[in-house]
PDB file of N, CA and C in Angstrom:
ATOM      1  N   MET A   1      -8.080 -20.978 -18.043  1.00  0.00           N
ATOM      2  CA  MET A   1      -7.062 -21.271 -17.174  1.00  0.00           C
ATOM      3  C   MET A   1      -5.503 -20.131 -17.500  1.00  0.00           C
ATOM      4  N   LEU A   2      -5.882 -19.020 -18.335  1.00  0.00           N
ATOM      5  CA  LEU A   2      -4.644 -18.977 -18.168  1.00  0.00           C
ATOM      6  C   LEU A   2      -5.120 -17.028 -18.259  1.00  0.00           C
ATOM      7  N   GLU A   3      -7.022 -16.942 -17.909  1.00  0.00           N
ATOM      8  CA  GLU A   3      -6.841 -15.469 -17.243  1.00  0.00           C
ATOM      9  C   GLU A   3      -7.795 -16.257 -16.078  1.00  0.00           C
ATOM     10  N   THR A   4      -7.677 -17.017 -15.323  1.00  0.00           N
ATOM     11  CA  THR A   4      -7.675 -16.795 -13.808  1.00  0.00           C
ATOM     12  C   THR A   4      -6.460 -16.823 -12.983  1.00  0.00           C
ATOM     13  N   LEU A   5      -5.077 -17.285 -13.719  1.00  0.00           N
ATOM     14  CA  LEU A   5      -4.272 -17.262 -12.647  1.00  0.00           C
ATOM     15  C   LEU A   5      -3.239 -15.499 -13.084  1.00  0.00           C
ATOM     16  N   VAL A   6      -3.873 -14.739 -14.649  1.00  0.00           N
ATOM     17  CA  VAL A   6      -3.698 -13.396 -14.239  1.00  0.00           C
ATOM     18  C   VAL A   6      -3.642 -13.019 -13.546  1.00  0.00           C
ATOM     19  N   VAL A   7      -5.519 -13.148 -13.076  1.00  0.00           N
ATOM     20  CA  VAL A   7      -5.986 -12.486 -11.766  1.00  0.00           C
ATOM     21  C   VAL A   7      -5.348 -13.043 -11.378  1.00  0.00           C
ATOM     22  N   VAL A   8      -5.224 -14.202 -11.179  1.00  0.00           N
ATOM     23  CA  VAL A   8      -4.576 -13.785  -9.264  1.00  0.00           C
ATOM     24  C   VAL A   8      -3.706 -13.822  -8.471  1.00  0.00           C
ATOM     25  N   ALA A   9      -2.900 -13.075  -9.979  1.00  0.00           N
ATOM     26  CA  ALA A   9      -1.164 -12.767  -9.414  1.00  0.00           C
ATOM     27  C   ALA A   9      -1.732 -11.934 -10.000  1.00  0.00           C
ATOM     28  N   SER A  10      -2.072 -11.033  -9.898  1.00  0.00           N
ATOM     29  CA  SER A  10      -2.555  -9.295 -10.302  1.00  0.00           C
ATOM     30  C   SER A  10      -3.120  -8.964  -8.600  1.00  0.00           C
ATOM     31  N   ALA A  11      -3.821  -9.430  -8.387  1.00  0.00           N
ATOM     32  CA  ALA A  11      -4.966  -9.338  -6.527  1.00  0.00           C
ATOM     33  C   ALA A  11      -4.036  -9.708  -6.011  1.00  0.00           C
ATOM     34  N   THR A  12      -2.743 -11.250  -5.855  1.00  0.00           N
ATOM     35  CA  THR A  12      -1.352 -10.961  -5.318  1.00  0.00           C
ATOM     36  C   THR A  12      -0.820  -9.943  -5.107  1.00  0.00           C
ATOM     37  N   GLY A  13      -0.567  -9.112  -6.255  1.00  0.00           N
ATOM     38  CA  GLY A  13       0.352  -8.221  -6.509  1.00  0.00           C
ATOM     39  C   GLY A  13      -0.056  -7.864  -5.863  1.00  0.00           C
ATOM     40  N   LEU A  14      -1.601  -7.112  -5.919  1.00  0.00           N
ATOM     41  CA  LEU A  14      -1.844  -5.641  -5.604  1.00  0.00           C
ATOM     42  C   LEU A  14      -2.100  -4.802  -3.983  1.00  0.00           C
ATOM     43  N   PHE A  15      -2.758  -6.740  -3.960  1.00  0.00           N
ATOM     44  CA  PHE A  15      -2.195  -6.835  -1.936  1.00  0.00           C
ATOM     45  C   PHE A  15      -1.202  -7.208  -1.297  1.00  0.00           C
ATOM     46  N   ALA A  16       0.164  -7.509  -2.307  1.00  0.00           N
ATOM     47  CA  ALA A  16       1.562  -6.830  -1.831  1.00  0.00           C
ATOM     48  C   ALA A  16       2.182  -5.414  -1.637  1.00  0.00           C
ATOM     49  N   LEU A  17       1.438  -4.389  -2.907  1.00  0.00           N
ATOM     50  CA  LEU A  17       1.439  -3.529  -3.240  1.00  0.00           C
ATOM     51  C   LEU A  17       0.493  -2.956  -1.999  1.00  0.00           C
ATOM     52  N   ALA A  18      -0.396  -2.680  -1.966  1.00  0.00           N
ATOM     53  CA  ALA A  18      -1.090  -2.507  -0.478  1.00  0.00           C
ATOM     54  C   ALA A  18      -0.046  -2.451   0.575  1.00  0.00           C
ATOM     55  N   ARG A  19      -0.014  -3.238   1.198  1.00  0.00           N
ATOM     56  CA  ARG A  19       0.501  -3.581   2.936  1.00  0.00           C
ATOM     57  C   ARG A  19       1.230  -3.391   2.414  1.00  0.00           C
ATOM     58  N   SER A  20       2.854  -3.008   1.685  1.00  0.00           N
ATOM     59  CA  SER A  20       4.073  -2.562   1.738  1.00  0.00           C
ATOM     60  C   SER A  20       3.400  -0.596   2.238  1.00  0.00           C
ATOM     61  N   SER A  21       2.841  -0.296   0.567  1.00  0.00           N
ATOM     62  CA  SER A  21       2.837   1.592   1.024  1.00  0.00           C
ATOM     63  C   SER A  21       2.407   2.230   2.247  1.00  0.00           C
ATOM     64  N   ARG A  22       1.190   0.232   2.841  1.00  0.00           N
ATOM     65  CA  ARG A  22       1.034   1.590   4.040  1.00  0.00           C
ATOM     66  C   ARG A  22       2.883   1.962   4.870  1.00  0.00           C
ATOM     67  N   GLY A  23       3.083   1.419   4.953  1.00  0.00           N
ATOM     68  CA  GLY A  23       3.974   1.378   6.177  1.00  0.00           C
ATOM     69  C   GLY A  23       4.115   1.771   7.462  1.00  0.00           C
ATOM     70  N   TYR A  24       4.813   1.760   7.608  1.00  0.00           N
ATOM     71  CA  TYR A  24       4.978   1.459   9.759  1.00  0.00           C
ATOM     72  C   TYR A  24       5.587   2.873  11.354  1.00  0.00           C
ATOM     73  N   GLU A  25       4.522   3.360  10.153  1.00  0.00           N
ATOM     74  CA  GLU A  25       4.072   4.726  11.398  1.00  0.00           C
ATOM     75  C   GLU A  25       3.706   4.724  12.803  1.00  0.00           C
ATOM     76  N   THR A  26       4.265   5.699  13.819  1.00  0.00           N
ATOM     77  CA  THR A  26       4.119   5.566  14.400  1.00  0.00           C
ATOM     78  C   THR A  26       3.733   6.646  15.051  1.00  0.00           C
ATOM     79  N   PHE A  27       2.450   6.668  15.572  1.00  0.00           N
ATOM     80  CA  PHE A  27       1.191   7.536  16.688  1.00  0.00           C
ATOM     81  C   PHE A  27       2.056   8.161  18.066  1.00  0.00           C
ATOM     82  N   ARG A  28       1.868   8.841  18.232  1.00  0.00           N
ATOM     83  CA  ARG A  28       2.801   9.481  19.269  1.00  0.00           C
ATOM     84  C   ARG A  28       1.165  10.539  20.343  1.00  0.00           C
ATOM     85  N   ILE A  29       0.664  10.413  21.176  1.00  0.00           N
ATOM     86  CA  ILE A  29      -0.064  10.943  21.591  1.00  0.00           C
ATOM     87  C   ILE A  29       0.047  12.169  22.918  1.00  0.00           C
ATOM     88  N   ASN A  30      -0.752  13.388  22.012  1.00  0.00           N
ATOM     89  CA  ASN A  30      -0.063  14.398  22.628  1.00  0.00           C
ATOM     90  C   ASN A  30      -0.881  14.513  24.166  1.00  0.00           C
ATOM     91  N   PRO A  31      -0.362  13.971  25.319  1.00  0.00           N
ATOM     92  CA  PRO A  31      -0.784  14.233  26.506  1.00  0.00           C
ATOM     93  C   PRO A  31      -1.628  15.412  27.133  1.00  0.00           C
ATOM     94  N   SER A  32      -1.257  17.003  26.541  1.00  0.00           N
ATOM     95  CA  SER A  32      -2.599  17.562  26.002  1.00  0.00           C
ATOM     96  C   SER A  32      -4.240  17.860  25.966  1.00  0.00           C
ATOM     97  N   LEU A  33      -3.784  16.721  24.698  1.00  0.00           N
ATOM     98  CA  LEU A  33      -5.555  16.472  24.458  1.00  0.00           C
ATOM     99  C   LEU A  33      -6.503  15.661  24.736  1.00  0.00           C
ATOM    100  N   VAL A  34      -5.214  14.561  26.052  1.00  0.00           N
ATOM    101  CA  VAL A  34      -5.725  13.498  26.783  1.00  0.00           C
ATOM    102  C   VAL A  34      -6.868  14.313  27.878  1.00  0.00           C
ATOM    103  N   GLY A  35      -8.476  13.835  27.999  1.00  0.00           N
ATOM    104  CA  GLY A  35      -8.477  14.038  28.819  1.00  0.00           C
ATOM    105  C   GLY A  35      -9.651  12.759  30.236  1.00  0.00           C
ATOM    106  N   MET A  36      -9.258  13.050  31.197  1.00  0.00           N
ATOM    107  CA  MET A  36      -9.470  11.902  31.968  1.00  0.00           C
ATOM    108  C   MET A  36     -10.366  11.646  32.762  1.00  0.00           C
ATOM    109  N   LEU A  37     -11.051  11.004  32.936  1.00  0.00           N
ATOM    110  CA  LEU A  37     -12.905  11.290  33.750  1.00  0.00           C
ATOM    111  C   LEU A  37     -11.982  10.322  34.917  1.00  0.00           C
ATOM    112  N   THR A  38     -12.319  11.870  35.934  1.00  0.00           N
ATOM    113  CA  THR A  38     -12.227  11.768  37.100  1.00  0.00           C
ATOM    114  C   THR A  38     -13.438  12.236  38.273  1.00  0.00           C
ATOM    115  N   HIS A  39     -14.396  11.343  39.092  1.00  0.00           N
ATOM    116  CA  HIS A  39     -15.890  11.659  40.060  1.00  0.00           C
ATOM    117  C   HIS A  39     -15.108  12.745  40.662  1.00  0.00           C
ATOM    118  N   ASP A  40     -15.167  14.348  40.800  1.00  0.00           N
ATOM    119  CA  ASP A  40     -14.755  15.074  42.081  1.00  0.00           C
ATOM    120  C   ASP A  40     -15.687  14.892  42.991  1.00  0.00           C
ATOM    121  N   ARG A  41     -16.878  14.884  42.927  1.00  0.00           N
ATOM    122  CA  ARG A  41     -17.726  14.365  43.873  1.00  0.00           C
ATOM    123  C   ARG A  41     -18.380  12.689  44.118  1.00  0.00           C
ATOM    124  N   GLY A  42     -17.546  11.771  43.517  1.00  0.00           N
ATOM    125  CA  GLY A  42     -18.361  10.900  43.934  1.00  0.00           C
ATOM    126  C   GLY A  42     -19.802  10.164  43.994  1.00  0.00           C
ATOM    127  N   GLU A  43     -19.386  11.009  42.502  1.00  0.00           N
ATOM    128  CA  GLU A  43     -21.022  11.025  42.122  1.00  0.00           C
ATOM    129  C   GLU A  43     -21.292   9.455  41.366  1.00  0.00           C
ATOM    130  N   ASP A  44     -23.041   9.404  41.595  1.00  0.00           N
ATOM    131  CA  ASP A  44     -23.316   7.881  41.996  1.00  0.00           C
ATOM    132  C   ASP A  44     -24.088   7.425  39.884  1.00  0.00           C
ATOM    133  N   LEU A  45     -25.155   7.203  40.125  1.00  0.00           N
ATOM    134  CA  LEU A  45     -26.006   7.573  38.818  1.00  0.00           C
ATOM    135  C   LEU A  45     -27.043   8.564  39.459  1.00  0.00           C
ATOM    136  N   PRO A  46     -27.058   9.131  37.067  1.00  0.00           N
ATOM    137  CA  PRO A  46     -27.267  10.835  37.501  1.00  0.00           C
ATOM    138  C   PRO A  46     -28.964  10.725  37.435  1.00  0.00           C
ATOM    139  N   CYS A  47     -29.322  11.522  37.672  1.00  0.00           N
ATOM    140  CA  CYS A  47     -31.065  11.328  37.918  1.00  0.00           C
ATOM    141  C   CYS A  47     -31.822  11.503  37.347  1.00  0.00           C
ATOM    142  N   PRO A  48     -32.729  10.165  36.772  1.00  0.00           N
ATOM    143  CA  PRO A  48     -34.162   9.448  36.568  1.00  0.00           C
ATOM    144  C   PRO A  48     -34.549  11.179  35.769  1.00  0.00           C
ATOM    145  N   TRP A  49     -34.742  12.016  36.232  1.00  0.00           N
ATOM    146  CA  TRP A  49     -36.067  13.717  35.014  1.00  0.00           C
ATOM    147  C   TRP A  49     -34.957  14.134  34.349  1.00  0.00           C
ATOM    148  N   CYS A  50     -33.772  14.614  34.658  1.00  0.00           N
ATOM    149  CA  CYS A  50     -32.362  15.613  33.989  1.00  0.00           C
ATOM    150  C   CYS A  50     -31.498  14.872  33.807  1.00  0.00           C
ATOM    151  N   TYR A  51     -31.157  13.561  34.499  1.00  0.00           N
ATOM    152  CA  TYR A  51     -29.800  13.419  34.369  1.00  0.00           C
ATOM    153  C   TYR A  51     -28.958  14.142  34.836  1.00  0.00           C
ATOM    154  N   GLY A  52     -28.454  15.449  35.883  1.00  0.00           N
ATOM    155  CA  GLY A  52     -27.223  15.396  36.546  1.00  0.00           C
ATOM    156  C   GLY A  52     -27.401  14.640  37.286  1.00  0.00           C
ATOM    157  N   PRO A  53     -25.532  14.710  37.579  1.00  0.00           N
ATOM    158  CA  PRO A  53     -24.858  14.431  38.744  1.00  0.00           C
ATOM    159  C   PRO A  53     -25.668  14.358  39.979  1.00  0.00           C
ATOM    160  N   THR A  54     -25.016  13.069  40.481  1.00  0.00           N
ATOM    161  CA  THR A  54     -26.046  13.032  41.289  1.00  0.00           C
ATOM    162  C   THR A  54     -25.555  11.823  43.118  1.00  0.00           C
ATOM    163  N   ASP A  55     -24.759  12.140  43.524  1.00  0.00           N
ATOM    164  CA  ASP A  55     -24.783  11.930  44.844  1.00  0.00           C
ATOM    165  C   ASP A  55     -25.372  10.791  45.974  1.00  0.00           C
ATOM    166  N   GLU A  56     -24.791   9.302  46.257  1.00  0.00           N
ATOM    167  CA  GLU A  56     -26.016   9.022  47.186  1.00  0.00           C
ATOM    168  C   GLU A  56     -26.744   9.221  48.126  1.00  0.00           C
ATOM    169  N   THR A  57     -26.018   9.986  49.300  1.00  0.00           N
ATOM    170  CA  THR A  57     -26.446  10.880  50.031  1.00  0.00           C
ATOM    171  C   THR A  57     -27.590  11.630  49.364  1.00  0.00           C
ATOM    172  N   ASP A  58     -26.849  12.092  48.737  1.00  0.00           N
ATOM    173  CA  ASP A  58     -27.962  13.564  47.808  1.00  0.00           C
ATOM    174  C   ASP A  58     -30.041  12.648  47.819  1.00  0.00           C
ATOM    175  N   THR A  59     -30.389  14.479  48.893  1.00  0.00           N
ATOM    176  CA  THR A  59     -32.025  13.687  48.827  1.00  0.00           C
ATOM    177  C   THR A  59     -33.121  14.976  47.779  1.00  0.00           C
ATOM    178  N   ARG A  60     -31.545  15.322  47.256  1.00  0.00           N
ATOM    179  CA  ARG A  60     -32.733  15.889  45.908  1.00  0.00           C
ATOM    180  C   ARG A  60     -31.597  16.011  44.718  1.00  0.00           C
ATOM    181  N   CYS A  61     -32.256  16.365  43.923  1.00  0.00           N
ATOM    182  CA  CYS A  61     -30.938  16.962  42.459  1.00  0.00           C
ATOM    183  C   CYS A  61     -31.171  18.719  42.587  1.00  0.00           C
ATOM    184  N   GLY A  62     -29.198  17.868  42.456  1.00  0.00           N
ATOM    185  CA  GLY A  62     -28.958  19.541  42.659  1.00  0.00           C
ATOM    186  C   GLY A  62     -29.384  20.310  40.695  1.00  0.00           C
ATOM    187  N   GLY A  63     -29.789  19.192  40.068  1.00  0.00           N
ATOM    188  CA  GLY A  63     -29.964  20.235  39.331  1.00  0.00           C
ATOM    189  C   GLY A  63     -31.528  21.110  38.425  1.00  0.00           C
ATOM    190  N   CYS A  64     -32.644  19.351  39.175  1.00  0.00           N
ATOM    191  CA  CYS A  64     -33.873  20.219  38.791  1.00  0.00           C
ATOM    192  C   CYS A  64     -34.482  20.417  39.883  1.00  0.00           C
ATOM    193  N   GLY A  65     -33.602  19.797  41.368  1.00  0.00           N
ATOM    194  CA  GLY A  65     -34.147  20.329  43.033  1.00  0.00           C
ATOM    195  C   GLY A  65     -35.779  19.673  43.079  1.00  0.00           C
ATOM    196  N   ARG A  66     -35.497  17.495  42.819  1.00  0.00           N
ATOM    197  CA  ARG A  66     -36.890  17.328  42.775  1.00  0.00           C
ATOM    198  C   ARG A  66     -36.213  15.878  43.627  1.00  0.00           C
ATOM    199  N   LYS A  67     -37.073  15.867  44.372  1.00  0.00           N
ATOM    200  CA  LYS A  67     -36.739  14.668  45.616  1.00  0.00           C
ATOM    201  C   LYS A  67     -36.970  13.490  45.344  1.00  0.00           C
ATOM    202  N   PHE A  68     -35.529  13.071  45.843  1.00  0.00           N
ATOM    203  CA  PHE A  68     -35.527  10.664  45.320  1.00  0.00           C
ATOM    204  C   PHE A  68     -36.321  10.115  46.802  1.00  0.00           C
ATOM    205  N   GLY A  69     -37.044   9.193  46.056  1.00  0.00           N
ATOM    206  CA  GLY A  69     -36.429   8.111  46.839  1.00  0.00           C
ATOM    207  C   GLY A  69     -38.924   9.037  47.232  1.00  0.00           C
TER     208      GLY A  69
END
């Protein structure tokens, strides 16, 4: 019984120590490292053959030249 009490007390103490040692760091984001995803051409689904960017009005893929439809 005493061993169980010692194990529980030590586990609780270790858990409290681990939580308090983390601290409360704040993370700042450097805006120059953030990449924004934009659709410059109005891209639709990728080409099924080469996975290149396509537009809904394209009749051929700009990457591999294969005809759609």
